[in-house]
C-alpha atoms as a PDB file:
ATOM      1  CA  MET A   1      82.289 226.007 117.014  1.00  0.00           C
ATOM      2  CA  VAL A   2      81.576 222.270 116.686  1.00  0.00           C
ATOM      3  CA  THR A   3      77.924 221.391 116.605  1.00  0.00           C
ATOM      4  CA  LYS A   4      77.035 218.451 118.844  1.00  0.00           C
ATOM      5  CA  ARG A   5      74.991 215.828 117.092  1.00  0.00           C
ATOM      6  CA  LYS A   6      72.444 213.984 119.163  1.00  0.00           C
ATOM      7  CA  ILE A   7      72.207 210.223 118.569  1.00  0.00           C
ATOM      8  CA  PRO A   8      68.599 209.014 118.525  1.00  0.00           C
ATOM      9  CA  LYS A   9      67.513 206.559 121.233  1.00  0.00           C
ATOM     10  CA  LYS A  10      66.526 204.069 118.547  1.00  0.00           C
ATOM     11  CA  LYS A  11      70.093 204.119 117.193  1.00  0.00           C
ATOM     12  CA  LEU A  12      71.546 203.632 120.661  1.00  0.00           C
ATOM     13  CA  LYS A  13      69.403 200.548 121.183  1.00  0.00           C
ATOM     14  CA  GLN A  14      70.759 198.917 117.996  1.00  0.00           C
ATOM     15  CA  PRO A  15      73.547 196.361 118.711  1.00  0.00           C
ATOM     16  CA  ASP A  16      77.129 197.293 117.888  1.00  0.00           C
ATOM     17  CA  GLU A  17      78.223 195.714 114.551  1.00  0.00           C
ATOM     18  CA  PHE A  18      81.374 194.090 116.012  1.00  0.00           C
ATOM     19  CA  ILE A  19      79.478 192.757 119.037  1.00  0.00           C
ATOM     20  CA  ALA A  20      76.754 191.414 116.768  1.00  0.00           C
ATOM     21  CA  TRP A  21      79.323 189.640 114.563  1.00  0.00           C
ATOM     22  CA  GLY A  22      81.002 188.115 117.634  1.00  0.00           C
ATOM     23  CA  SER A  23      77.698 186.860 118.948  1.00  0.00           C
ATOM     24  CA  GLN A  24      76.883 185.262 115.632  1.00  0.00           C
ATOM     25  CA  ALA A  25      80.249 183.549 115.565  1.00  0.00           C
ATOM     26  CA  MET A  26      79.770 182.299 119.105  1.00  0.00           C
ATOM     27  CA  ASN A  27      76.311 180.999 118.281  1.00  0.00           C
ATOM     28  CA  TYR A  28      77.685 179.225 115.195  1.00  0.00           C
ATOM     29  CA  ALA A  29      80.467 177.652 117.224  1.00  0.00           C
ATOM     30  CA  VAL A  30      78.075 176.405 119.889  1.00  0.00           C
ATOM     31  CA  ALA A  31      75.689 175.038 117.254  1.00  0.00           C
ATOM     32  CA  HIS A  32      78.518 173.197 115.443  1.00  0.00           C
ATOM     33  CA  LEU A  33      80.617 172.321 118.488  1.00  0.00           C
ATOM     34  CA  ARG A  34      80.406 168.592 117.762  1.00  0.00           C
ATOM     35  CA  TYR A  35      81.732 168.970 114.229  1.00  0.00           C
ATOM     36  CA  ILE A  36      84.484 171.337 115.319  1.00  0.00           C
ATOM     37  CA  GLY A  37      85.562 168.858 117.976  1.00  0.00           C
ATOM     38  CA  LEU A  38      85.631 166.034 115.459  1.00  0.00           C
ATOM     39  CA  GLY A  39      87.735 168.205 113.140  1.00  0.00           C
ATOM     40  CA  VAL A  40      90.247 168.940 115.900  1.00  0.00           C
ATOM     41  CA  VAL A  41      90.468 165.237 116.780  1.00  0.00           C
ATOM     42  CA  LEU A  42      90.944 164.327 113.096  1.00  0.00           C
ATOM     43  CA  VAL A  43      93.786 166.824 112.704  1.00  0.00           C
ATOM     44  CA  GLY A  44      95.391 165.442 115.850  1.00  0.00           C
ATOM     45  CA  VAL A  45      95.127 161.876 114.555  1.00  0.00           C
ATOM     46  CA  ILE A  46      96.697 162.895 111.234  1.00  0.00           C
ATOM     47  CA  ILE A  47      99.598 164.644 112.998  1.00  0.00           C
ATOM     48  CA  LEU A  48     100.143 161.616 115.254  1.00  0.00           C
ATOM     49  CA  ALA A  49     100.021 159.250 112.285  1.00  0.00           C
ATOM     50  CA  LEU A  50     102.606 161.327 110.409  1.00  0.00           C
ATOM     51  CA  PHE A  51     104.859 161.391 113.460  1.00  0.00           C
ATOM     52  CA  LEU A  52     104.593 157.609 113.932  1.00  0.00           C
ATOM     53  CA  TRP A  53     105.206 157.052 110.211  1.00  0.00           C
ATOM     54  CA  ARG A  54     108.364 159.166 110.301  1.00  0.00           C
ATOM     55  CA  GLN A  55     109.534 157.187 113.326  1.00  0.00           C
ATOM     56  CA  HIS A  56     108.835 153.936 111.490  1.00  0.00           C
ATOM     57  CA  VAL A  57     110.729 155.110 108.386  1.00  0.00           C
ATOM     58  CA  THR A  58     113.699 156.189 110.498  1.00  0.00           C
ATOM     59  CA  VAL A  59     113.855 152.846 112.301  1.00  0.00           C
ATOM     60  CA  SER A  60     113.442 150.972 109.002  1.00  0.00           C
ATOM     61  CA  GLU A  61     116.289 152.965 107.406  1.00  0.00           C
ATOM     62  CA  GLU A  62     118.577 152.250 110.346  1.00  0.00           C
ATOM     63  CA  MET A  63     117.825 148.523 110.256  1.00  0.00           C
ATOM     64  CA  ALA A  64     118.241 148.431 106.479  1.00  0.00           C
ATOM     65  CA  PHE A  65     121.623 150.166 106.532  1.00  0.00           C
ATOM     66  CA  THR A  66     122.828 147.879 109.338  1.00  0.00           C
ATOM     67  CA  LEU A  67     121.933 144.848 107.221  1.00  0.00           C
ATOM     68  CA  LEU A  68     123.415 146.435 104.101  1.00  0.00           C
ATOM     69  CA  GLY A  69     126.708 147.066 105.907  1.00  0.00           C
ATOM     70  CA  ARG A  70     126.819 143.437 106.972  1.00  0.00           C
ATOM     71  CA  GLY A  71     126.167 142.307 103.401  1.00  0.00           C
ATOM     72  CA  ILE A  72     128.871 144.565 101.962  1.00  0.00           C
ATOM     73  CA  ASN A  73     131.369 143.245 104.510  1.00  0.00           C
ATOM     74  CA  LEU A  74     130.551 139.663 103.491  1.00  0.00           C
ATOM     75  CA  TYR A  75     130.716 140.571  99.793  1.00  0.00           C
ATOM     76  CA  HIS A  76     134.249 141.908 100.087  1.00  0.00           C
ATOM     77  CA  GLN A  77     135.403 138.717 101.784  1.00  0.00           C
ATOM     78  CA  GLY A  78     135.063 136.976  98.423  1.00  0.00           C
ATOM     79  CA  GLU A  79     134.383 133.432  99.579  1.00  0.00           C
ATOM     80  CA  LYS A  80     131.294 134.614 101.483  1.00  0.00           C
ATOM     81  CA  ARG A  81     129.461 136.186  98.565  1.00  0.00           C
ATOM     82  CA  GLY A  82     126.788 133.507  98.779  1.00  0.00           C
ATOM     83  CA  GLU A  83     125.976 134.708 102.299  1.00  0.00           C
ATOM     84  CA  ALA A  84     126.167 138.322 101.119  1.00  0.00           C
ATOM     85  CA  LEU A  85     123.603 137.596  98.414  1.00  0.00           C
ATOM     86  CA  GLN A  86     121.183 136.278 101.054  1.00  0.00           C
ATOM     87  CA  VAL A  87     121.651 139.409 103.173  1.00  0.00           C
ATOM     88  CA  PHE A  88     121.088 141.740 100.195  1.00  0.00           C
ATOM     89  CA  THR A  89     117.941 139.779  99.320  1.00  0.00           C
ATOM     90  CA  GLU A  90     116.705 140.281 102.889  1.00  0.00           C
ATOM     91  CA  VAL A  91     117.293 144.040 102.679  1.00  0.00           C
ATOM     92  CA  ILE A  92     115.482 144.258  99.329  1.00  0.00           C
ATOM     93  CA  ARG A  93     112.558 142.149 100.560  1.00  0.00           C
ATOM     94  CA  ASP A  94     112.041 143.730 103.988  1.00  0.00           C
ATOM     95  CA  HIS A  95     113.052 147.347 103.254  1.00  0.00           C
ATOM     96  CA  PRO A  96     112.194 147.956  99.568  1.00  0.00           C
ATOM     97  CA  ARG A  97     111.489 151.690  99.905  1.00  0.00           C
ATOM     98  CA  THR A  98     114.644 152.618 101.786  1.00  0.00           C
ATOM     99  CA  LYS A  99     117.859 153.967 100.279  1.00  0.00           C
ATOM    100  CA  ALA A 100     119.640 150.898 101.580  1.00  0.00           C
ATOM    101  CA  GLY A 101     117.113 148.709  99.785  1.00  0.00           C
ATOM    102  CA  LYS A 102     117.962 150.404  96.482  1.00  0.00           C
ATOM    103  CA  ILE A 103     121.729 150.131  97.009  1.00  0.00           C
ATOM    104  CA  ALA A 104     121.277 146.446  97.885  1.00  0.00           C
ATOM    105  CA  LEU A 105     119.968 145.910  94.338  1.00  0.00           C
ATOM    106  CA  LEU A 106     123.331 147.046  92.958  1.00  0.00           C
ATOM    107  CA  TYR A 107     125.285 144.763  95.268  1.00  0.00           C
ATOM    108  CA  ARG A 108     123.029 141.778  94.657  1.00  0.00           C
ATOM    109  CA  GLY A 109     123.513 142.364  90.939  1.00  0.00           C
ATOM    110  CA  ARG A 110     127.273 142.208  91.471  1.00  0.00           C
ATOM    111  CA  CYS A 111     126.847 138.940  93.376  1.00  0.00           C
ATOM    112  CA  TYR A 112     124.946 137.496  90.422  1.00  0.00           C
ATOM    113  CA  VAL A 113     127.690 138.694  88.055  1.00  0.00           C
ATOM    114  CA  SER A 114     130.290 136.864  90.152  1.00  0.00           C
ATOM    115  CA  GLN A 115     128.133 133.749  89.633  1.00  0.00           C
ATOM    116  CA  ARG A 116     127.951 134.530  85.884  1.00  0.00           C
ATOM    117  CA  ASP A 117     124.176 134.882  86.096  1.00  0.00           C
ATOM    118  CA  HIS A 118     123.865 138.040  84.016  1.00  0.00           C
ATOM    119  CA  ASP A 119     120.119 137.734  83.486  1.00  0.00           C
ATOM    120  CA  LEU A 120     119.410 138.042  87.220  1.00  0.00           C
ATOM    121  CA  ALA A 121     122.007 140.794  87.493  1.00  0.00           C
ATOM    122  CA  LEU A 122     120.305 142.755  84.710  1.00  0.00           C
ATOM    123  CA  THR A 123     116.935 142.353  86.444  1.00  0.00           C
ATOM    124  CA  ASP A 124     118.364 144.023  89.559  1.00  0.00           C
ATOM    125  CA  TYR A 125     120.156 146.766  87.628  1.00  0.00           C
ATOM    126  CA  ASN A 126     117.025 147.578  85.632  1.00  0.00           C
ATOM    127  CA  LEU A 127     114.909 147.682  88.799  1.00  0.00           C
ATOM    128  CA  PHE A 128     117.441 149.972  90.468  1.00  0.00           C
ATOM    129  CA  LEU A 129     117.378 152.348  87.481  1.00  0.00           C
ATOM    130  CA  LYS A 130     113.586 152.538  87.692  1.00  0.00           C
ATOM    131  CA  LYS A 131     113.698 153.406  91.394  1.00  0.00           C
ATOM    132  CA  SER A 132     116.725 155.700  91.591  1.00  0.00           C
ATOM    133  CA  SER A 133     117.121 159.291  90.402  1.00  0.00           C
ATOM    134  CA  GLY A 134     120.574 160.101  91.824  1.00  0.00           C
ATOM    135  CA  THR A 135     123.121 160.597  89.041  1.00  0.00           C
ATOM    136  CA  PHE A 136     126.130 159.116  90.836  1.00  0.00           C
ATOM    137  CA  LEU A 137     124.618 155.699  91.542  1.00  0.00           C
ATOM    138  CA  ARG A 138     122.706 155.648  88.253  1.00  0.00           C
ATOM    139  CA  VAL A 139     125.903 155.812  86.196  1.00  0.00           C
ATOM    140  CA  ILE A 140     127.363 152.970  88.263  1.00  0.00           C
ATOM    141  CA  ALA A 141     124.237 150.923  87.538  1.00  0.00           C
ATOM    142  CA  LEU A 142     124.326 151.829  83.832  1.00  0.00           C
ATOM    143  CA  ASN A 143     127.986 150.826  83.590  1.00  0.00           C
ATOM    144  CA  ALA A 144     127.254 147.517  85.334  1.00  0.00           C
ATOM    145  CA  GLN A 145     124.252 147.004  83.066  1.00  0.00           C
ATOM    146  CA  GLY A 146     126.399 147.620  79.998  1.00  0.00           C
ATOM    147  CA  ASN A 147     129.048 145.170  81.168  1.00  0.00           C
ATOM    148  CA  SER A 148     126.427 142.462  81.726  1.00  0.00           C
ATOM    149  CA  TYR A 149     124.976 143.002  78.254  1.00  0.00           C
ATOM    150  CA  ARG A 150     128.520 142.835  76.825  1.00  0.00           C
ATOM    151  CA  ALA A 151     129.182 139.582  78.693  1.00  0.00           C
ATOM    152  CA  LYS A 152     126.005 138.155  77.132  1.00  0.00           C
ATOM    153  CA  GLY A 153     127.108 139.214  73.643  1.00  0.00           C
ATOM    154  CA  GLU A 154     124.361 141.848  73.349  1.00  0.00           C
ATOM    155  CA  TYR A 155     126.764 144.521  72.183  1.00  0.00           C
ATOM    156  CA  GLN A 156     124.291 147.069  70.843  1.00  0.00           C
ATOM    157  CA  ARG A 157     122.339 147.086  74.099  1.00  0.00           C
ATOM    158  CA  ALA A 158     125.631 147.387  75.962  1.00  0.00           C
ATOM    159  CA  LEU A 159     126.533 150.409  73.829  1.00  0.00           C
ATOM    160  CA  ASP A 160     123.191 152.025  74.663  1.00  0.00           C
ATOM    161  CA  SER A 161     123.957 151.723  78.394  1.00  0.00           C
ATOM    162  CA  PHE A 162     127.518 152.991  78.014  1.00  0.00           C
ATOM    163  CA  GLN A 163     126.386 155.970  75.917  1.00  0.00           C
ATOM    164  CA  GLN A 164     124.082 157.034  78.763  1.00  0.00           C
ATOM    165  CA  VAL A 165     127.096 157.069  81.080  1.00  0.00           C
ATOM    166  CA  LEU A 166     128.998 159.272  78.627  1.00  0.00           C
ATOM    167  CA  ALA A 167     126.017 161.639  78.491  1.00  0.00           C
ATOM    168  CA  SER A 168     126.204 162.161  82.268  1.00  0.00           C
ATOM    169  CA  ARG A 169     128.475 164.601  84.113  1.00  0.00           C
ATOM    170  CA  GLU A 170     130.348 161.824  85.918  1.00  0.00           C
ATOM    171  CA  GLU A 171     133.726 162.276  84.229  1.00  0.00           C
ATOM    172  CA  TRP A 172     135.564 159.819  86.484  1.00  0.00           C
ATOM    173  CA  LEU A 173     133.915 156.782  84.897  1.00  0.00           C
ATOM    174  CA  LYS A 174     134.287 157.794  81.245  1.00  0.00           C
ATOM    175  CA  PRO A 175     137.800 156.394  80.512  1.00  0.00           C
ATOM    176  CA  THR A 176     136.795 152.827  81.469  1.00  0.00           C
ATOM    177  CA  VAL A 177     133.428 153.180  79.735  1.00  0.00           C
ATOM    178  CA  LEU A 178     135.169 154.256  76.509  1.00  0.00           C
ATOM    179  CA  LEU A 179     137.380 151.172  76.786  1.00  0.00           C
ATOM    180  CA  SER A 180     134.246 149.002  77.051  1.00  0.00           C
ATOM    181  CA  ILE A 181     132.673 150.848  74.134  1.00  0.00           C
ATOM    182  CA  GLY A 182     135.761 150.128  72.035  1.00  0.00           C
ATOM    183  CA  MET A 183     135.469 146.420  72.835  1.00  0.00           C
ATOM    184  CA  CYS A 184     131.800 146.406  71.800  1.00  0.00           C
ATOM    185  CA  TRP A 185     132.597 148.107  68.483  1.00  0.00           C
ATOM    186  CA  GLU A 186     135.362 145.567  67.868  1.00  0.00           C
ATOM    187  CA  LYS A 187     132.909 142.711  68.364  1.00  0.00           C
ATOM    188  CA  LEU A 188     130.499 144.412  65.956  1.00  0.00           C
ATOM    189  CA  GLY A 189     133.235 144.667  63.338  1.00  0.00           C
ATOM    190  CA  GLU A 190     133.558 148.473  63.564  1.00  0.00           C
ATOM    191  CA  ALA A 191     137.354 148.795  63.796  1.00  0.00           C
ATOM    192  CA  LYS A 192     137.448 152.575  63.196  1.00  0.00           C
ATOM    193  CA  LYS A 193     134.869 153.302  65.895  1.00  0.00           C
ATOM    194  CA  ALA A 194     136.641 150.921  68.250  1.00  0.00           C
ATOM    195  CA  SER A 195     140.006 152.596  67.694  1.00  0.00           C
ATOM    196  CA  ASP A 196     138.484 156.050  68.217  1.00  0.00           C
ATOM    197  CA  ALA A 197     136.980 154.949  71.541  1.00  0.00           C
ATOM    198  CA  TYR A 198     140.275 153.457  72.750  1.00  0.00           C
ATOM    199  CA  GLN A 199     142.210 156.590  71.811  1.00  0.00           C
ATOM    200  CA  GLU A 200     139.664 158.836  73.516  1.00  0.00           C
ATOM    201  CA  SER A 201     140.041 156.716  76.654  1.00  0.00           C
ATOM    202  CA  LEU A 202     143.825 157.183  76.493  1.00  0.00           C
ATOM    203  CA  LYS A 203     143.461 160.957  76.162  1.00  0.00           C
ATOM    204  CA  LEU A 204     141.314 161.128  79.279  1.00  0.00           C
ATOM    205  CA  SER A 205     143.471 158.838  81.383  1.00  0.00           C
ATOM    206  CA  PRO A 206     146.845 157.965  79.786  1.00  0.00           C
ATOM    207  CA  SER A 207     148.484 156.588  82.940  1.00  0.00           C
ATOM    208  CA  ALA A 208     145.588 154.520  84.310  1.00  0.00           C
ATOM    209  CA  PRO A 209     145.994 150.726  84.718  1.00  0.00           C
ATOM    210  CA  TRP A 210     143.547 150.055  81.868  1.00  0.00           C
ATOM    211  CA  ALA A 211     145.477 152.368  79.502  1.00  0.00           C
ATOM    212  CA  THR A 212     147.851 149.471  78.738  1.00  0.00           C
ATOM    213  CA  LEU A 213     144.945 147.426  77.451  1.00  0.00           C
ATOM    214  CA  ALA A 214     143.686 150.361  75.359  1.00  0.00           C
ATOM    215  CA  ARG A 215     147.131 150.781  73.759  1.00  0.00           C
ATOM    216  CA  LEU A 216     147.313 147.059  73.056  1.00  0.00           C
ATOM    217  CA  ARG A 217     143.896 147.083  71.356  1.00  0.00           C
ATOM    218  CA  VAL A 218     144.824 150.105  69.228  1.00  0.00           C
ATOM    219  CA  LYS A 219     148.047 148.352  68.180  1.00  0.00           C
ATOM    220  CA  LYS A 220     146.201 145.152  67.238  1.00  0.00           C
ATOM    221  CA  LEU A 221     143.652 147.112  65.193  1.00  0.00           C
ATOM    222  CA  LYS A 222     146.436 148.881  63.299  1.00  0.00           C
ATOM    223  CA  GLU A 223     148.105 145.562  62.563  1.00  0.00           C
ATOM    224  CA  LYS A 224     144.846 144.165  61.227  1.00  0.00           C
ATOM    225  CA  ASP A 225     144.368 147.260  59.101  1.00  0.00           C
ATOM    226  CA  GLN A 226     147.854 146.840  57.627  1.00  0.00           C
ATOM    227  CA  HIS A 227     147.308 143.098  57.119  1.00  0.00           C
ATOM    228  CA  PRO A 228     143.649 142.662  56.164  1.00  0.00           C
ATOM    229  CA  SER A 229     144.105 138.914  55.635  1.00  0.00           C
ATOM    230  CA  LYS A 230     145.014 138.449  59.307  1.00  0.00           C
ATOM    231  CA  LYS A 231     142.140 136.853  61.176  1.00  0.00           C
ATOM    232  CA  GLY A 232     141.232 136.260  64.727  1.00  0.00           C
ATOM    233  CA  ASP A 233     140.510 138.441  67.709  1.00  0.00           C
ATOM    234  CA  ASP A 234     143.562 138.785  69.985  1.00  0.00           C
END
């Protein structure tokens, strides 16, 4: 038989623990209502600001890519590369943080190369490499950087750029890069290294348009090796 336990009147008059906790919370909320309201407003402002910023970024990207497309179209018309350069400069200036702004650096660099201004081209390529982390476009920039250094006669710096391309996983660019490497080694008087680079290029892409040039360079190097007294760079 279960014995009934009588609860003292004093115990009954004590507030329930859950009710007491709820009352305390309510009292705290009322006492700090102003601060809570300010906190809610602040959170709302932050959310609104983030939303507006995302909208701004989206609009900026769209405008930048529209301008970039116009510049690329002008660039490929050849005679309008001066106009293209102005458009790329506008994209870089007005939309520096967009993807289009980064790509415009590559195209403006190419415009400078067409004008034989390799110093300005290298400035754009170097800036692009500092801003970009995507492998695909980075190897394009490194290859362009190497070619500009080679055009300036800075063959060791060109080799450094080309070696970074070879170290990447972008296999499609390696045959032409090896051809450029061979040319740099030739200019530095390293015939064996040059020949090795040309032959490696031929192994990777024996039927490519540039393979004819690689074969020609290998042939000339062999002729020079057989006739050491022969001078001149063909």
